[in-house]
Amino acid sequence: QVQLVESGGGLVQPGGSLRLSCATSGSIFSINGMGWYRQAPGNQRELVAVIRSGGITNYADSVKGRFTISRDKNMVYLQMNSLKPEDTAVYYCNTYPYPLLANQPWGQGTQVTVSS
């Protein structure tokens, strides 16, 4: 069964930090690259961080130097520092690239709100 469960979001002040977690179930997550995506209200879902086989990471310019993606067995993490109001969004994890399967599901996501 293919399943993703994101957690760790919340309300944080500008400049604060959060660590998001993603629990994965299914072999497609363990043998492929993984990414964190986010979707703000009225916007399309965007890719913010990728971790490929071998641990190579890439980041969107908007989060470079502030976010760090990592993985350990069936877990994928996103450490977010120096948060800005524009980071406010629902955050999701999934394979990179996406999709690898027909009708590949998304998890419920985790809400991150950066506000004073």
PDB file of N, CA and C in Angstrom:
ATOM      1  N   GLN A   1       0.842  -1.183   0.000  1.00  0.00           N
ATOM      2  CA  GLN A   1       0.000   0.000   0.000  1.00  0.00           C
ATOM      3  C   GLN A   1       0.883   1.240   0.000  1.00  0.00           C
ATOM      4  N   VAL A   2       0.539   2.185  -0.852  1.00  0.00           N
ATOM      5  CA  VAL A   2       1.290   3.430  -0.969  1.00  0.00           C
ATOM      6  C   VAL A   2       0.642   4.466  -0.073  1.00  0.00           C
ATOM      7  N   GLN A   3       1.405   4.999   0.875  1.00  0.00           N
ATOM      8  CA  GLN A   3       0.837   5.946   1.822  1.00  0.00           C
ATOM      9  C   GLN A   3       1.892   6.927   2.291  1.00  0.00           C
ATOM     10  N   LEU A   4       1.456   8.155   2.523  1.00  0.00           N
ATOM     11  CA  LEU A   4       2.307   9.227   3.024  1.00  0.00           C
ATOM     12  C   LEU A   4       1.572   9.919   4.156  1.00  0.00           C
ATOM     13  N   VAL A   5       2.282  10.201   5.245  1.00  0.00           N
ATOM     14  CA  VAL A   5       1.697  10.935   6.364  1.00  0.00           C
ATOM     15  C   VAL A   5       2.674  12.018   6.790  1.00  0.00           C
ATOM     16  N   GLU A   6       2.279  13.275   6.547  1.00  0.00           N
ATOM     17  CA  GLU A   6       3.103  14.423   6.916  1.00  0.00           C
ATOM     18  C   GLU A   6       2.693  14.949   8.288  1.00  0.00           C
ATOM     19  N   SER A   7       3.667  15.485   9.019  1.00  0.00           N
ATOM     20  CA  SER A   7       3.393  16.058  10.333  1.00  0.00           C
ATOM     21  C   SER A   7       4.450  17.093  10.666  1.00  0.00           C
ATOM     22  N   GLY A   8       4.201  17.838  11.733  1.00  0.00           N
ATOM     23  CA  GLY A   8       5.191  18.781  12.230  1.00  0.00           C
ATOM     24  C   GLY A   8       4.908  20.238  11.939  1.00  0.00           C
ATOM     25  N   GLY A   9       3.859  20.518  11.195  1.00  0.00           N
ATOM     26  CA  GLY A   9       3.538  21.901  10.898  1.00  0.00           C
ATOM     27  C   GLY A   9       2.974  22.627  12.100  1.00  0.00           C
ATOM     28  N   GLY A  10       2.738  23.922  11.919  1.00  0.00           N
ATOM     29  CA  GLY A  10       2.184  24.721  12.996  1.00  0.00           C
ATOM     30  C   GLY A  10       2.307  26.190  12.711  1.00  0.00           C
ATOM     31  N   LEU A  11       2.023  26.978  13.741  1.00  0.00           N
ATOM     32  CA  LEU A  11       2.126  28.431  13.665  1.00  0.00           C
ATOM     33  C   LEU A  11       3.457  28.847  14.279  1.00  0.00           C
ATOM     34  N   VAL A  12       4.220  29.626  13.551  1.00  0.00           N
ATOM     35  CA  VAL A  12       5.521  30.064  14.027  1.00  0.00           C
ATOM     36  C   VAL A  12       5.734  31.519  13.636  1.00  0.00           C
ATOM     37  N   GLN A  13       6.489  32.242  14.446  1.00  0.00           N
ATOM     38  CA  GLN A  13       6.774  33.646  14.138  1.00  0.00           C
ATOM     39  C   GLN A  13       7.863  33.740  13.068  1.00  0.00           C
ATOM     40  N   PRO A  14       7.889  34.824  12.336  1.00  0.00           N
ATOM     41  CA  PRO A  14       8.984  35.026  11.372  1.00  0.00           C
ATOM     42  C   PRO A  14      10.336  34.880  12.054  1.00  0.00           C
ATOM     43  N   GLY A  15      11.233  34.184  11.365  1.00  0.00           N
ATOM     44  CA  GLY A  15      12.542  33.909  11.925  1.00  0.00           C
ATOM     45  C   GLY A  15      12.621  32.610  12.700  1.00  0.00           C
ATOM     46  N   GLY A  16      11.485  31.995  12.944  1.00  0.00           N
ATOM     47  CA  GLY A  16      11.453  30.752  13.703  1.00  0.00           C
ATOM     48  C   GLY A  16      11.783  29.542  12.864  1.00  0.00           C
ATOM     49  N   SER A  17      11.691  28.377  13.510  1.00  0.00           N
ATOM     50  CA  SER A  17      12.052  27.112  12.869  1.00  0.00           C
ATOM     51  C   SER A  17      10.966  26.067  13.098  1.00  0.00           C
ATOM     52  N   LEU A  18      10.876  25.148  12.156  1.00  0.00           N
ATOM     53  CA  LEU A  18      10.024  23.976  12.273  1.00  0.00           C
ATOM     54  C   LEU A  18      10.732  22.802  11.608  1.00  0.00           C
ATOM     55  N   ARG A  19      10.414  21.605  12.068  1.00  0.00           N
ATOM     56  CA  ARG A  19      10.906  20.397  11.418  1.00  0.00           C
ATOM     57  C   ARG A  19       9.718  19.548  11.004  1.00  0.00           C
ATOM     58  N   LEU A  20       9.572  19.363   9.721  1.00  0.00           N
ATOM     59  CA  LEU A  20       8.495  18.543   9.182  1.00  0.00           C
ATOM     60  C   LEU A  20       8.973  17.106   9.018  1.00  0.00           C
ATOM     61  N   SER A  21       8.040  16.178   9.228  1.00  0.00           N
ATOM     62  CA  SER A  21       8.334  14.761   9.051  1.00  0.00           C
ATOM     63  C   SER A  21       7.349  14.147   8.074  1.00  0.00           C
ATOM     64  N   CYS A  22       7.799  13.158   7.358  1.00  0.00           N
ATOM     65  CA  CYS A  22       6.953  12.432   6.415  1.00  0.00           C
ATOM     66  C   CYS A  22       7.222  10.943   6.581  1.00  0.00           C
ATOM     67  N   ALA A  23       6.193  10.220   6.986  1.00  0.00           N
ATOM     68  CA  ALA A  23       6.296   8.772   7.110  1.00  0.00           C
ATOM     69  C   ALA A  23       5.767   8.134   5.833  1.00  0.00           C
ATOM     70  N   THR A  24       6.576   7.306   5.211  1.00  0.00           N
ATOM     71  CA  THR A  24       6.187   6.719   3.930  1.00  0.00           C
ATOM     72  C   THR A  24       5.965   5.219   4.065  1.00  0.00           C
ATOM     73  N   SER A  25       5.066   4.716   3.257  1.00  0.00           N
ATOM     74  CA  SER A  25       4.802   3.283   3.191  1.00  0.00           C
ATOM     75  C   SER A  25       4.680   2.900   1.726  1.00  0.00           C
ATOM     76  N   GLY A  26       5.541   2.009   1.280  1.00  0.00           N
ATOM     77  CA  GLY A  26       5.529   1.613  -0.126  1.00  0.00           C
ATOM     78  C   GLY A  26       6.924   1.674  -0.704  1.00  0.00           C
ATOM     79  N   SER A  27       7.245   0.698  -1.525  1.00  0.00           N
ATOM     80  CA  SER A  27       8.622   0.594  -2.022  1.00  0.00           C
ATOM     81  C   SER A  27       9.011   1.740  -2.937  1.00  0.00           C
ATOM     82  N   ILE A  28       8.036   2.386  -3.581  1.00  0.00           N
ATOM     83  CA  ILE A  28       8.415   3.472  -4.492  1.00  0.00           C
ATOM     84  C   ILE A  28       9.069   4.618  -3.741  1.00  0.00           C
ATOM     85  N   PHE A  29       8.804   4.720  -2.459  1.00  0.00           N
ATOM     86  CA  PHE A  29       9.390   5.810  -1.678  1.00  0.00           C
ATOM     87  C   PHE A  29      10.790   5.486  -1.221  1.00  0.00           C
ATOM     88  N   SER A  30      11.097   4.222  -1.062  1.00  0.00           N
ATOM     89  CA  SER A  30      12.413   3.851  -0.545  1.00  0.00           C
ATOM     90  C   SER A  30      13.463   3.743  -1.642  1.00  0.00           C
ATOM     91  N   ILE A  31      13.048   3.576  -2.889  1.00  0.00           N
ATOM     92  CA  ILE A  31      14.027   3.351  -3.947  1.00  0.00           C
ATOM     93  C   ILE A  31      14.140   4.526  -4.907  1.00  0.00           C
ATOM     94  N   ASN A  32      13.366   5.581  -4.664  1.00  0.00           N
ATOM     95  CA  ASN A  32      13.404   6.741  -5.545  1.00  0.00           C
ATOM     96  C   ASN A  32      13.733   8.011  -4.773  1.00  0.00           C
ATOM     97  N   GLY A  33      14.014   9.063  -5.522  1.00  0.00           N
ATOM     98  CA  GLY A  33      14.193  10.344  -4.887  1.00  0.00           C
ATOM     99  C   GLY A  33      12.896  10.805  -4.233  1.00  0.00           C
ATOM    100  N   MET A  34      13.037  11.662  -3.261  1.00  0.00           N
ATOM    101  CA  MET A  34      11.878  12.214  -2.563  1.00  0.00           C
ATOM    102  C   MET A  34      11.951  13.727  -2.563  1.00  0.00           C
ATOM    103  N   GLY A  35      10.792  14.342  -2.517  1.00  0.00           N
ATOM    104  CA  GLY A  35      10.728  15.783  -2.507  1.00  0.00           C
ATOM    105  C   GLY A  35       9.724  16.306  -1.506  1.00  0.00           C
ATOM    106  N   TRP A  36       9.957  17.512  -1.060  1.00  0.00           N
ATOM    107  CA  TRP A  36       8.951  18.275  -0.312  1.00  0.00           C
ATOM    108  C   TRP A  36       8.370  19.315  -1.256  1.00  0.00           C
ATOM    109  N   TYR A  37       7.057  19.387  -1.254  1.00  0.00           N
ATOM    110  CA  TYR A  37       6.315  20.314  -2.089  1.00  0.00           C
ATOM    111  C   TYR A  37       5.472  21.184  -1.162  1.00  0.00           C
ATOM    112  N   ARG A  38       5.043  22.338  -1.678  1.00  0.00           N
ATOM    113  CA  ARG A  38       4.143  23.162  -0.880  1.00  0.00           C
ATOM    114  C   ARG A  38       3.134  23.847  -1.786  1.00  0.00           C
ATOM    115  N   GLN A  39       1.996  24.154  -1.199  1.00  0.00           N
ATOM    116  CA  GLN A  39       0.941  24.850  -1.930  1.00  0.00           C
ATOM    117  C   GLN A  39       0.336  25.909  -1.037  1.00  0.00           C
ATOM    118  N   ALA A  40       0.478  27.140  -1.467  1.00  0.00           N
ATOM    119  CA  ALA A  40      -0.121  28.268  -0.775  1.00  0.00           C
ATOM    120  C   ALA A  40      -1.496  28.546  -1.389  1.00  0.00           C
ATOM    121  N   PRO A  41      -2.394  29.178  -0.637  1.00  0.00           N
ATOM    122  CA  PRO A  41      -3.730  29.463  -1.164  1.00  0.00           C
ATOM    123  C   PRO A  41      -3.666  30.222  -2.481  1.00  0.00           C
ATOM    124  N   GLY A  42      -4.392  29.727  -3.474  1.00  0.00           N
ATOM    125  CA  GLY A  42      -4.437  30.388  -4.764  1.00  0.00           C
ATOM    126  C   GLY A  42      -3.262  30.104  -5.673  1.00  0.00           C
ATOM    127  N   ASN A  43      -2.310  29.312  -5.184  1.00  0.00           N
ATOM    128  CA  ASN A  43      -1.113  29.008  -5.971  1.00  0.00           C
ATOM    129  C   ASN A  43      -1.064  27.532  -6.344  1.00  0.00           C
ATOM    130  N   GLN A  44      -0.273  27.235  -7.354  1.00  0.00           N
ATOM    131  CA  GLN A  44      -0.048  25.839  -7.703  1.00  0.00           C
ATOM    132  C   GLN A  44       0.947  25.212  -6.727  1.00  0.00           C
ATOM    133  N   ARG A  45       0.908  23.910  -6.642  1.00  0.00           N
ATOM    134  CA  ARG A  45       1.868  23.204  -5.814  1.00  0.00           C
ATOM    135  C   ARG A  45       3.257  23.369  -6.420  1.00  0.00           C
ATOM    136  N   GLU A  46       4.241  23.654  -5.577  1.00  0.00           N
ATOM    137  CA  GLU A  46       5.592  23.854  -6.055  1.00  0.00           C
ATOM    138  C   GLU A  46       6.561  22.960  -5.286  1.00  0.00           C
ATOM    139  N   LEU A  47       7.637  22.609  -5.984  1.00  0.00           N
ATOM    140  CA  LEU A  47       8.681  21.785  -5.387  1.00  0.00           C
ATOM    141  C   LEU A  47       9.656  22.689  -4.649  1.00  0.00           C
ATOM    142  N   VAL A  48       9.983  22.357  -3.402  1.00  0.00           N
ATOM    143  CA  VAL A  48      10.912  23.208  -2.647  1.00  0.00           C
ATOM    144  C   VAL A  48      12.227  22.503  -2.332  1.00  0.00           C
ATOM    145  N   ALA A  49      12.221  21.182  -2.230  1.00  0.00           N
ATOM    146  CA  ALA A  49      13.455  20.477  -1.878  1.00  0.00           C
ATOM    147  C   ALA A  49      13.393  19.043  -2.391  1.00  0.00           C
ATOM    148  N   VAL A  50      14.550  18.546  -2.806  1.00  0.00           N
ATOM    149  CA  VAL A  50      14.663  17.186  -3.340  1.00  0.00           C
ATOM    150  C   VAL A  50      15.860  16.493  -2.713  1.00  0.00           C
ATOM    151  N   ILE A  51      15.702  15.208  -2.420  1.00  0.00           N
ATOM    152  CA  ILE A  51      16.839  14.380  -2.035  1.00  0.00           C
ATOM    153  C   ILE A  51      16.840  13.163  -2.949  1.00  0.00           C
ATOM    154  N   ARG A  52      17.936  13.003  -3.661  1.00  0.00           N
ATOM    155  CA  ARG A  52      18.025  11.943  -4.651  1.00  0.00           C
ATOM    156  C   ARG A  52      18.788  10.748  -4.085  1.00  0.00           C
ATOM    157  N   SER A  53      18.832   9.695  -4.833  1.00  0.00           N
ATOM    158  CA  SER A  53      19.645   8.544  -4.448  1.00  0.00           C
ATOM    159  C   SER A  53      21.080   9.011  -4.267  1.00  0.00           C
ATOM    160  N   GLY A  54      21.715   8.539  -3.222  1.00  0.00           N
ATOM    161  CA  GLY A  54      23.071   8.958  -2.915  1.00  0.00           C
ATOM    162  C   GLY A  54      23.121  10.183  -2.027  1.00  0.00           C
ATOM    163  N   GLY A  55      21.949  10.714  -1.698  1.00  0.00           N
ATOM    164  CA  GLY A  55      21.896  11.829  -0.756  1.00  0.00           C
ATOM    165  C   GLY A  55      22.093  13.203  -1.361  1.00  0.00           C
ATOM    166  N   ILE A  56      22.105  13.277  -2.687  1.00  0.00           N
ATOM    167  CA  ILE A  56      22.264  14.588  -3.335  1.00  0.00           C
ATOM    168  C   ILE A  56      20.989  15.400  -3.145  1.00  0.00           C
ATOM    169  N   THR A  57      21.150  16.656  -2.739  1.00  0.00           N
ATOM    170  CA  THR A  57      20.004  17.510  -2.468  1.00  0.00           C
ATOM    171  C   THR A  57      19.984  18.719  -3.388  1.00  0.00           C
ATOM    172  N   ASN A  58      18.772  19.186  -3.654  1.00  0.00           N
ATOM    173  CA  ASN A  58      18.568  20.410  -4.429  1.00  0.00           C
ATOM    174  C   ASN A  58      17.432  21.192  -3.787  1.00  0.00           C
ATOM    175  N   TYR A  59      17.501  22.520  -3.923  1.00  0.00           N
ATOM    176  CA  TYR A  59      16.512  23.383  -3.296  1.00  0.00           C
ATOM    177  C   TYR A  59      16.041  24.459  -4.257  1.00  0.00           C
ATOM    178  N   ALA A  60      14.800  24.863  -4.071  1.00  0.00           N
ATOM    179  CA  ALA A  60      14.316  26.036  -4.781  1.00  0.00           C
ATOM    180  C   ALA A  60      15.089  27.246  -4.285  1.00  0.00           C
ATOM    181  N   ASP A  61      15.284  28.205  -5.158  1.00  0.00           N
ATOM    182  CA  ASP A  61      16.042  29.404  -4.782  1.00  0.00           C
ATOM    183  C   ASP A  61      15.428  30.102  -3.570  1.00  0.00           C
ATOM    184  N   SER A  62      14.118  30.041  -3.456  1.00  0.00           N
ATOM    185  CA  SER A  62      13.426  30.762  -2.383  1.00  0.00           C
ATOM    186  C   SER A  62      13.720  30.188  -0.996  1.00  0.00           C
ATOM    187  N   VAL A  63      14.205  28.944  -0.930  1.00  0.00           N
ATOM    188  CA  VAL A  63      14.447  28.329   0.377  1.00  0.00           C
ATOM    189  C   VAL A  63      15.909  27.941   0.573  1.00  0.00           C
ATOM    190  N   LYS A  64      16.714  28.140  -0.440  1.00  0.00           N
ATOM    191  CA  LYS A  64      18.119  27.728  -0.360  1.00  0.00           C
ATOM    192  C   LYS A  64      18.816  28.423   0.797  1.00  0.00           C
ATOM    193  N   GLY A  65      19.552  27.652   1.578  1.00  0.00           N
ATOM    194  CA  GLY A  65      20.258  28.197   2.732  1.00  0.00           C
ATOM    195  C   GLY A  65      19.424  28.248   3.991  1.00  0.00           C
ATOM    196  N   ARG A  66      18.121  28.003   3.876  1.00  0.00           N
ATOM    197  CA  ARG A  66      17.236  28.036   5.044  1.00  0.00           C
ATOM    198  C   ARG A  66      16.613  26.678   5.342  1.00  0.00           C
ATOM    199  N   PHE A  67      16.361  25.895   4.315  1.00  0.00           N
ATOM    200  CA  PHE A  67      15.722  24.582   4.462  1.00  0.00           C
ATOM    201  C   PHE A  67      16.742  23.486   4.213  1.00  0.00           C
ATOM    202  N   THR A  68      16.561  22.358   4.919  1.00  0.00           N
ATOM    203  CA  THR A  68      17.408  21.192   4.727  1.00  0.00           C
ATOM    204  C   THR A  68      16.548  19.938   4.670  1.00  0.00           C
ATOM    205  N   ILE A  69      16.668  19.193   3.592  1.00  0.00           N
ATOM    206  CA  ILE A  69      15.937  17.930   3.448  1.00  0.00           C
ATOM    207  C   ILE A  69      16.854  16.778   3.808  1.00  0.00           C
ATOM    208  N   SER A  70      16.290  15.777   4.465  1.00  0.00           N
ATOM    209  CA  SER A  70      17.042  14.576   4.812  1.00  0.00           C
ATOM    210  C   SER A  70      16.089  13.389   4.828  1.00  0.00           C
ATOM    211  N   ARG A  71      16.670  12.197   4.874  1.00  0.00           N
ATOM    212  CA  ARG A  71      15.839  10.997   4.934  1.00  0.00           C
ATOM    213  C   ARG A  71      16.546   9.925   5.750  1.00  0.00           C
ATOM    214  N   ASP A  72      15.745   9.070   6.351  1.00  0.00           N
ATOM    215  CA  ASP A  72      16.272   7.978   7.157  1.00  0.00           C
ATOM    216  C   ASP A  72      15.265   6.840   7.094  1.00  0.00           C
ATOM    217  N   LYS A  73      15.640   5.775   6.419  1.00  0.00           N
ATOM    218  CA  LYS A  73      14.755   4.618   6.205  1.00  0.00           C
ATOM    219  C   LYS A  73      13.455   5.087   5.555  1.00  0.00           C
ATOM    220  N   ASN A  74      12.332   4.936   6.199  1.00  0.00           N
ATOM    221  CA  ASN A  74      11.060   5.288   5.574  1.00  0.00           C
ATOM    222  C   ASN A  74      10.600   6.702   5.927  1.00  0.00           C
ATOM    223  N   MET A  75      11.475   7.502   6.521  1.00  0.00           N
ATOM    224  CA  MET A  75      11.126   8.862   6.928  1.00  0.00           C
ATOM    225  C   MET A  75      11.863   9.888   6.069  1.00  0.00           C
ATOM    226  N   VAL A  76      11.168  10.966   5.791  1.00  0.00           N
ATOM    227  CA  VAL A  76      11.768  12.102   5.093  1.00  0.00           C
ATOM    228  C   VAL A  76      11.504  13.336   5.953  1.00  0.00           C
ATOM    229  N   TYR A  77      12.501  14.192   6.092  1.00  0.00           N
ATOM    230  CA  TYR A  77      12.397  15.352   6.970  1.00  0.00           C
ATOM    231  C   TYR A  77      12.674  16.642   6.191  1.00  0.00           C
ATOM    232  N   LEU A  78      12.126  17.726   6.713  1.00  0.00           N
ATOM    233  CA  LEU A  78      12.436  19.046   6.193  1.00  0.00           C
ATOM    234  C   LEU A  78      12.655  19.971   7.380  1.00  0.00           C
ATOM    235  N   GLN A  79      13.900  20.338   7.600  1.00  0.00           N
ATOM    236  CA  GLN A  79      14.239  21.322   8.630  1.00  0.00           C
ATOM    237  C   GLN A  79      14.124  22.702   8.012  1.00  0.00           C
ATOM    238  N   MET A  80      13.280  23.530   8.609  1.00  0.00           N
ATOM    239  CA  MET A  80      13.034  24.856   8.065  1.00  0.00           C
ATOM    240  C   MET A  80      13.461  25.903   9.096  1.00  0.00           C
ATOM    241  N   ASN A  81      14.428  26.707   8.740  1.00  0.00           N
ATOM    242  CA  ASN A  81      14.927  27.770   9.608  1.00  0.00           C
ATOM    243  C   ASN A  81      14.666  29.126   8.976  1.00  0.00           C
ATOM    244  N   SER A  82      14.782  30.157   9.794  1.00  0.00           N
ATOM    245  CA  SER A  82      14.606  31.538   9.303  1.00  0.00           C
ATOM    246  C   SER A  82      13.330  31.666   8.478  1.00  0.00           C
ATOM    247  N   LEU A  83      12.250  31.172   9.022  1.00  0.00           N
ATOM    248  CA  LEU A  83      10.987  31.147   8.276  1.00  0.00           C
ATOM    249  C   LEU A  83      10.474  32.550   8.004  1.00  0.00           C
ATOM    250  N   LYS A  84       9.836  32.691   6.843  1.00  0.00           N
ATOM    251  CA  LYS A  84       9.284  33.960   6.392  1.00  0.00           C
ATOM    252  C   LYS A  84       7.779  33.797   6.176  1.00  0.00           C
ATOM    253  N   PRO A  85       7.038  34.885   6.222  1.00  0.00           N
ATOM    254  CA  PRO A  85       5.587  34.793   5.957  1.00  0.00           C
ATOM    255  C   PRO A  85       5.275  34.129   4.614  1.00  0.00           C
ATOM    256  N   GLU A  86       6.126  34.336   3.633  1.00  0.00           N
ATOM    257  CA  GLU A  86       5.877  33.737   2.321  1.00  0.00           C
ATOM    258  C   GLU A  86       6.105  32.225   2.295  1.00  0.00           C
ATOM    259  N   ASP A  87       6.603  31.667   3.386  1.00  0.00           N
ATOM    260  CA  ASP A  87       6.714  30.198   3.482  1.00  0.00           C
ATOM    261  C   ASP A  87       5.394  29.564   3.914  1.00  0.00           C
ATOM    262  N   THR A  88       4.416  30.382   4.251  1.00  0.00           N
ATOM    263  CA  THR A  88       3.114  29.868   4.664  1.00  0.00           C
ATOM    264  C   THR A  88       2.477  29.064   3.536  1.00  0.00           C
ATOM    265  N   ALA A  89       2.138  27.811   3.843  1.00  0.00           N
ATOM    266  CA  ALA A  89       1.583  26.905   2.834  1.00  0.00           C
ATOM    267  C   ALA A  89       1.273  25.571   3.501  1.00  0.00           C
ATOM    268  N   VAL A  90       0.589  24.722   2.756  1.00  0.00           N
ATOM    269  CA  VAL A  90       0.475  23.318   3.141  1.00  0.00           C
ATOM    270  C   VAL A  90       1.645  22.587   2.503  1.00  0.00           C
ATOM    271  N   TYR A  91       2.370  21.833   3.298  1.00  0.00           N
ATOM    272  CA  TYR A  91       3.560  21.122   2.837  1.00  0.00           C
ATOM    273  C   TYR A  91       3.259  19.635   2.680  1.00  0.00           C
ATOM    274  N   TYR A  92       3.744  19.094   1.573  1.00  0.00           N
ATOM    275  CA  TYR A  92       3.532  17.687   1.233  1.00  0.00           C
ATOM    276  C   TYR A  92       4.875  17.046   0.869  1.00  0.00           C
ATOM    277  N   CYS A  93       4.974  15.757   1.097  1.00  0.00           N
ATOM    278  CA  CYS A  93       6.113  15.029   0.550  1.00  0.00           C
ATOM    279  C   CYS A  93       5.592  14.029  -0.474  1.00  0.00           C
ATOM    280  N   ASN A  94       6.441  13.673  -1.397  1.00  0.00           N
ATOM    281  CA  ASN A  94       6.128  12.666  -2.386  1.00  0.00           C
ATOM    282  C   ASN A  94       7.399  12.333  -3.158  1.00  0.00           C
ATOM    283  N   THR A  95       7.280  11.409  -4.086  1.00  0.00           N
ATOM    284  CA  THR A  95       8.464  11.043  -4.862  1.00  0.00           C
ATOM    285  C   THR A  95       8.915  12.220  -5.724  1.00  0.00           C
ATOM    286  N   TYR A  96      10.175  12.207  -6.072  1.00  0.00           N
ATOM    287  CA  TYR A  96      10.688  13.073  -7.114  1.00  0.00           C
ATOM    288  C   TYR A  96      11.457  12.195  -8.083  1.00  0.00           C
ATOM    289  N   PRO A  97      11.033  12.206  -9.345  1.00  0.00           N
ATOM    290  CA  PRO A  97       9.927  12.983  -9.885  1.00  0.00           C
ATOM    291  C   PRO A  97       8.571  12.419  -9.475  1.00  0.00           C
ATOM    292  N   TYR A  98       7.546  13.243  -9.697  1.00  0.00           N
ATOM    293  CA  TYR A  98       6.172  12.837  -9.445  1.00  0.00           C
ATOM    294  C   TYR A  98       5.391  12.985 -10.723  1.00  0.00           C
ATOM    295  N   PRO A  99       4.494  12.070 -11.071  1.00  0.00           N
ATOM    296  CA  PRO A  99       4.238  10.795 -10.411  1.00  0.00           C
ATOM    297  C   PRO A  99       5.063   9.663 -11.016  1.00  0.00           C
ATOM    298  N   LEU A 100       5.164   8.603 -10.264  1.00  0.00           N
ATOM    299  CA  LEU A 100       5.793   7.389 -10.769  1.00  0.00           C
ATOM    300  C   LEU A 100       4.758   6.300 -11.041  1.00  0.00           C
ATOM    301  N   LEU A 101       3.591   6.457 -10.443  1.00  0.00           N
ATOM    302  CA  LEU A 101       2.499   5.503 -10.609  1.00  0.00           C
ATOM    303  C   LEU A 101       1.266   6.238 -11.106  1.00  0.00           C
ATOM    304  N   ALA A 102       0.409   5.530 -11.791  1.00  0.00           N
ATOM    305  CA  ALA A 102      -0.890   6.086 -12.134  1.00  0.00           C
ATOM    306  C   ALA A 102      -1.667   6.339 -10.845  1.00  0.00           C
ATOM    307  N   ASN A 103      -2.300   7.515 -10.768  1.00  0.00           N
ATOM    308  CA  ASN A 103      -3.107   7.873  -9.590  1.00  0.00           C
ATOM    309  C   ASN A 103      -2.295   7.829  -8.291  1.00  0.00           C
ATOM    310  N   GLN A 104      -1.037   8.175  -8.372  1.00  0.00           N
ATOM    311  CA  GLN A 104      -0.198   8.174  -7.169  1.00  0.00           C
ATOM    312  C   GLN A 104      -0.748   9.183  -6.172  1.00  0.00           C
ATOM    313  N   PRO A 105      -1.031   8.745  -4.956  1.00  0.00           N
ATOM    314  CA  PRO A 105      -1.722   9.635  -4.024  1.00  0.00           C
ATOM    315  C   PRO A 105      -0.794  10.651  -3.360  1.00  0.00           C
ATOM    316  N   TRP A 106      -1.405  11.699  -2.865  1.00  0.00           N
ATOM    317  CA  TRP A 106      -0.761  12.654  -1.969  1.00  0.00           C
ATOM    318  C   TRP A 106      -1.246  12.372  -0.547  1.00  0.00           C
ATOM    319  N   GLY A 107      -0.457  12.751   0.425  1.00  0.00           N
ATOM    320  CA  GLY A 107      -0.901  12.710   1.802  1.00  0.00           C
ATOM    321  C   GLY A 107      -1.802  13.895   2.095  1.00  0.00           C
ATOM    322  N   GLN A 108      -2.149  14.039   3.369  1.00  0.00           N
ATOM    323  CA  GLN A 108      -3.038  15.143   3.746  1.00  0.00           C
ATOM    324  C   GLN A 108      -2.291  16.459   3.861  1.00  0.00           C
ATOM    325  N   GLY A 109      -0.971  16.385   3.912  1.00  0.00           N
ATOM    326  CA  GLY A 109      -0.166  17.590   4.064  1.00  0.00           C
ATOM    327  C   GLY A 109      -0.143  18.069   5.506  1.00  0.00           C
ATOM    328  N   THR A 110       0.729  19.041   5.758  1.00  0.00           N
ATOM    329  CA  THR A 110       0.814  19.664   7.078  1.00  0.00           C
ATOM    330  C   THR A 110       0.903  21.169   6.893  1.00  0.00           C
ATOM    331  N   GLN A 111       0.077  21.893   7.614  1.00  0.00           N
ATOM    332  CA  GLN A 111      -0.032  23.348   7.455  1.00  0.00           C
ATOM    333  C   GLN A 111       1.100  24.053   8.201  1.00  0.00           C
ATOM    334  N   VAL A 112       1.782  24.922   7.501  1.00  0.00           N
ATOM    335  CA  VAL A 112       2.794  25.796   8.102  1.00  0.00           C
ATOM    336  C   VAL A 112       2.320  27.231   7.934  1.00  0.00           C
ATOM    337  N   THR A 113       2.208  27.930   9.042  1.00  0.00           N
ATOM    338  CA  THR A 113       1.791  29.328   9.027  1.00  0.00           C
ATOM    339  C   THR A 113       2.854  30.163   9.722  1.00  0.00           C
ATOM    340  N   VAL A 114       3.390  31.119   8.996  1.00  0.00           N
ATOM    341  CA  VAL A 114       4.426  31.997   9.544  1.00  0.00           C
ATOM    342  C   VAL A 114       3.814  33.382   9.691  1.00  0.00           C
ATOM    343  N   SER A 115       3.634  33.797  10.925  1.00  0.00           N
ATOM    344  CA  SER A 115       2.951  35.053  11.178  1.00  0.00           C
ATOM    345  C   SER A 115       3.291  35.541  12.575  1.00  0.00           C
ATOM    346  N   SER A 116       3.335  36.866  12.698  1.00  0.00           N
ATOM    347  CA  SER A 116       3.560  37.455  14.015  1.00  0.00           C
ATOM    348  C   SER A 116       2.229  37.775  14.689  1.00  0.00           C
TER     349      SER A 116
END
